[in-house]
Amino acid sequence: MIRVMLVDDHAVVRVGFRMLLADAGIDVVAEAGDGEAACQLYPTVRPDLVVMDLSMPGMGGIEAVRRLLAQDGRTRVLALSAYEDTAHPRRALRAGALGYLAKRSAPDELILAVKTVAGGERYVDRQTAQALAVSQADGRASPVDLLSGREFSVFIQLARGMSVAQIADNLKLSPSTVGTHLYHIKQKLGAGNQSELTLAALHWGLLDS
């Protein structure tokens, strides 16, 4: 039986996923409401697969994926997200996620994705895979692609209106380090302030509703 840890800040969503997985004979052995809790819980549970939502309070899903892989390079993660852009799936896969599934996907596809990634194979839902291929083929790169992984994490939290102090706490960085990232982000995106960063994130579809 596949052993899964669910990471999502919405308890109702976790209940729904747990029921779907149970019907398919997949065992949910642990749940976490944010990335910090997931990183703390993982070593004690050692699931076969982590199903990780990307939009969560605190460090966020992509940073959590990165930290889980730093703890254990054999960690298998299926990133699950409502984002419609190509930056989030690309970033999640670069961070080490083995699979990516849009939340708009059918329940049967969740089961297929879980089984595929738990088996050590890559899985990206068809619509997301097509969007990634098209964006690469026609050169429609977003300026956000210029950001490093850590800069992207800081950028998203800034765009959501968080302060430098809050981001430093979430990402376990010093405020001065966050400030340095902020300077580089503004330079790369041509933004003058936090409001302009938020507008840029909205324009590129990087903020969930």
Protein backbone atom coordinates (compact mmCIF):
# COMPACT_ATOMS: atom_id res chain seq x y z
CA MET A 1 0.00 0.00 0.00
CA ILE A 2 1.25 3.49 -0.90
CA ARG A 3 1.78 5.68 2.16
CA VAL A 4 1.06 9.38 1.61
CA MET A 5 1.51 12.58 3.59
CA LEU A 6 -0.95 15.34 2.64
CA VAL A 7 0.18 18.96 2.99
CA ASP A 8 -2.53 21.59 2.51
CA ASP A 9 -3.66 24.46 4.71
CA HIS A 10 -7.36 23.69 4.12
CA ALA A 11 -8.60 20.88 6.36
CA VAL A 12 -11.66 20.30 4.18
CA VAL A 13 -9.44 19.77 1.15
CA ARG A 14 -7.35 17.26 3.07
CA VAL A 15 -10.48 15.36 4.08
CA GLY A 16 -11.60 15.17 0.46
CA PHE A 17 -8.22 13.97 -0.75
CA ARG A 18 -7.99 11.43 2.06
CA MET A 19 -11.36 9.95 1.07
CA LEU A 20 -10.41 9.80 -2.62
CA LEU A 21 -7.11 8.12 -1.86
CA ALA A 22 -8.67 5.69 0.62
CA ASP A 23 -11.17 4.56 -2.03
CA ALA A 24 -8.19 3.71 -4.24
CA GLY A 25 -6.45 1.75 -1.49
CA ILE A 26 -3.90 4.48 -0.76
CA ASP A 27 -3.12 5.18 2.90
CA VAL A 28 -2.80 8.75 4.20
CA VAL A 29 -0.41 8.30 7.12
CA ALA A 30 0.10 11.97 8.01
CA GLU A 31 -1.26 15.47 7.36
CA ALA A 32 0.23 18.93 7.73
CA GLY A 33 -1.24 22.39 7.35
CA ASP A 34 1.90 24.19 6.20
CA GLY A 35 5.42 23.61 4.92
CA GLU A 36 7.06 24.08 8.30
CA ALA A 37 4.94 21.33 9.87
CA ALA A 38 5.55 19.09 6.86
CA CYS A 39 9.34 19.41 7.19
CA GLN A 40 9.15 18.60 10.90
CA LEU A 41 6.79 15.66 10.45
CA TYR A 42 8.39 14.00 7.45
CA PRO A 43 11.39 12.38 9.22
CA THR A 44 9.10 10.66 11.75
CA VAL A 45 6.70 9.31 9.13
CA ARG A 46 8.84 8.62 6.04
CA PRO A 47 5.91 8.36 3.61
CA ASP A 48 6.30 6.98 0.10
CA LEU A 49 4.96 10.24 -1.29
CA VAL A 50 4.22 13.81 -0.21
CA VAL A 51 1.26 15.55 -1.88
CA MET A 52 2.16 19.22 -1.46
CA ASP A 53 -0.09 22.20 -2.12
CA LEU A 54 1.95 25.19 -3.31
CA SER A 55 -0.22 27.97 -1.90
CA MET A 56 0.10 27.90 1.88
CA PRO A 57 0.94 30.34 4.68
CA GLY A 58 4.49 30.53 5.96
CA MET A 59 7.31 29.41 3.73
CA GLY A 60 4.98 28.21 0.95
CA GLY A 61 4.97 24.95 -0.97
CA ILE A 62 7.94 25.46 -3.27
CA GLU A 63 10.28 26.31 -0.40
CA ALA A 64 8.91 23.30 1.51
CA VAL A 65 9.67 21.04 -1.47
CA ARG A 66 13.21 22.39 -1.56
CA ARG A 67 13.71 21.77 2.17
CA LEU A 68 12.25 18.26 2.10
CA LEU A 69 14.66 17.31 -0.69
CA ALA A 70 17.52 18.86 1.27
CA GLN A 71 16.57 16.63 4.23
CA ASP A 72 16.25 13.52 2.11
CA GLY A 73 17.12 13.44 -1.58
CA ARG A 74 14.93 10.37 -2.05
CA THR A 75 11.75 12.28 -1.10
CA ARG A 76 9.05 11.96 -3.74
CA VAL A 77 6.78 14.98 -4.01
CA LEU A 78 3.65 15.56 -6.08
CA ALA A 79 3.00 19.30 -6.20
CA LEU A 80 -0.68 20.19 -6.33
CA SER A 81 -1.81 23.68 -7.21
CA ALA A 82 -4.62 25.93 -8.40
CA TYR A 83 -2.17 28.25 -10.18
CA GLU A 84 -2.75 28.67 -13.92
CA ASP A 85 0.70 30.06 -14.81
CA THR A 86 3.77 28.16 -16.02
CA ALA A 87 6.19 29.65 -13.48
CA HIS A 88 4.87 27.65 -10.50
CA PRO A 89 5.03 24.20 -12.11
CA ARG A 90 8.46 25.01 -13.54
CA ARG A 91 9.71 26.21 -10.14
CA ALA A 92 8.20 23.25 -8.28
CA LEU A 93 9.83 20.76 -10.63
CA ARG A 94 13.16 22.59 -10.40
CA ALA A 95 12.90 22.50 -6.60
CA GLY A 96 12.74 18.72 -6.80
CA ALA A 97 9.07 17.76 -7.11
CA LEU A 98 8.71 14.63 -9.22
CA GLY A 99 5.20 15.53 -10.34
CA TYR A 100 2.81 18.44 -10.79
CA LEU A 101 -0.98 18.26 -10.89
CA ALA A 102 -3.38 21.16 -11.36
CA LYS A 103 -6.28 21.18 -8.90
CA ARG A 104 -8.68 21.48 -11.84
CA SER A 105 -7.79 17.89 -12.77
CA ALA A 106 -10.32 15.08 -12.37
CA PRO A 107 -10.22 12.91 -9.22
CA ASP A 108 -9.10 9.88 -11.24
CA GLU A 109 -6.06 11.84 -12.39
CA LEU A 110 -5.06 12.48 -8.77
CA ILE A 111 -4.98 8.73 -8.18
CA LEU A 112 -2.96 8.17 -11.35
CA ALA A 113 -0.51 10.96 -10.43
CA VAL A 114 -0.03 9.59 -6.90
CA LYS A 115 0.64 6.07 -8.15
CA THR A 116 3.00 7.29 -10.88
CA VAL A 117 5.10 9.55 -8.65
CA ALA A 118 5.12 7.04 -5.78
CA GLY A 119 6.59 4.61 -8.30
CA GLY A 120 9.46 6.99 -8.97
CA GLU A 121 8.26 8.30 -12.34
CA ARG A 122 7.54 11.87 -13.43
CA TYR A 123 3.96 13.06 -13.85
CA VAL A 124 2.66 16.40 -15.13
CA ASP A 125 -1.00 16.81 -16.05
CA ARG A 126 -1.59 17.18 -19.78
CA GLN A 127 -2.77 20.79 -19.79
CA THR A 128 0.14 22.00 -17.67
CA ALA A 129 2.63 19.99 -19.75
CA GLN A 130 1.23 21.52 -22.92
CA ALA A 131 1.43 25.05 -21.47
CA LEU A 132 5.06 24.47 -20.47
CA ALA A 133 5.94 23.13 -23.91
CA VAL A 134 4.22 26.00 -25.72
CA SER A 135 5.84 28.68 -23.54
CA GLN A 136 9.25 27.16 -24.22
CA ALA A 137 8.64 26.75 -27.95
CA ASP A 138 7.41 30.27 -28.66
CA GLY A 139 9.81 31.99 -26.27
CA ARG A 140 7.09 33.54 -24.11
CA ALA A 141 9.36 33.82 -21.10
CA SER A 142 8.25 35.84 -18.11
CA PRO A 143 10.69 38.33 -16.55
CA VAL A 144 10.07 36.34 -13.37
CA ASP A 145 12.17 33.56 -14.93
CA LEU A 146 15.18 35.77 -14.24
CA LEU A 147 14.73 35.29 -10.50
CA SER A 148 16.63 32.66 -8.55
CA GLY A 149 14.67 30.11 -6.54
CA ARG A 150 15.05 32.02 -3.29
CA GLU A 151 14.29 35.35 -5.01
CA PHE A 152 11.10 33.84 -6.40
CA SER A 153 9.99 32.75 -2.91
CA VAL A 154 10.66 36.24 -1.55
CA PHE A 155 8.94 37.85 -4.55
CA ILE A 156 5.71 35.87 -4.10
CA GLN A 157 5.50 36.73 -0.42
CA LEU A 158 6.23 40.39 -1.11
CA ALA A 159 3.52 40.40 -3.77
CA ARG A 160 1.07 39.06 -1.20
CA GLY A 161 1.78 42.10 0.96
CA MET A 162 4.06 40.57 3.56
CA SER A 163 6.69 42.69 5.26
CA VAL A 164 10.42 42.04 5.16
CA ALA A 165 10.26 40.91 8.81
CA GLN A 166 7.45 38.44 8.09
CA ILE A 167 9.29 37.00 5.10
CA ALA A 168 12.49 36.68 7.12
CA ASP A 169 10.59 34.70 9.75
CA ASN A 170 8.82 32.50 7.18
CA LEU A 171 11.97 31.64 5.25
CA LYS A 172 14.32 31.58 8.25
CA LEU A 173 16.49 34.33 6.81
CA SER A 174 17.87 37.52 8.30
CA PRO A 175 15.98 40.73 7.43
CA SER A 176 19.14 42.05 5.77
CA THR A 177 19.29 38.98 3.50
CA VAL A 178 15.64 39.47 2.54
CA GLY A 179 16.43 43.13 1.88
CA THR A 180 19.24 42.11 -0.46
CA HIS A 181 16.91 39.75 -2.30
CA LEU A 182 14.34 42.54 -2.54
CA TYR A 183 16.90 44.86 -4.13
CA HIS A 184 17.83 42.25 -6.74
CA ILE A 185 14.17 41.44 -7.43
CA LYS A 186 13.36 45.10 -8.09
CA GLN A 187 16.38 45.41 -10.36
CA LYS A 188 15.51 42.31 -12.38
CA LEU A 189 11.80 43.14 -12.71
CA GLY A 190 12.18 46.87 -13.11
CA ALA A 191 9.89 47.56 -10.14
CA GLY A 192 10.17 50.58 -7.88
CA ASN A 193 8.15 49.42 -4.89
CA GLN A 194 6.10 46.59 -3.38
CA SER A 195 2.89 47.70 -5.11
CA GLU A 196 4.53 47.36 -8.50
CA LEU A 197 5.72 43.88 -7.56
CA THR A 198 2.15 42.92 -6.68
CA LEU A 199 0.89 44.25 -10.01
CA ALA A 200 3.60 42.29 -11.83
CA ALA A 201 2.60 39.09 -10.01
CA LEU A 202 -1.06 39.64 -10.89
CA HIS A 203 -0.18 40.35 -14.52
CA TRP A 204 1.72 37.08 -14.83
CA GLY A 205 -0.96 35.07 -12.98
CA LEU A 206 1.28 34.29 -10.04
CA LEU A 207 -1.21 35.06 -7.25
CA ASP A 208 -4.01 32.69 -6.42
CA SER A 209 -7.48 33.95 -5.59
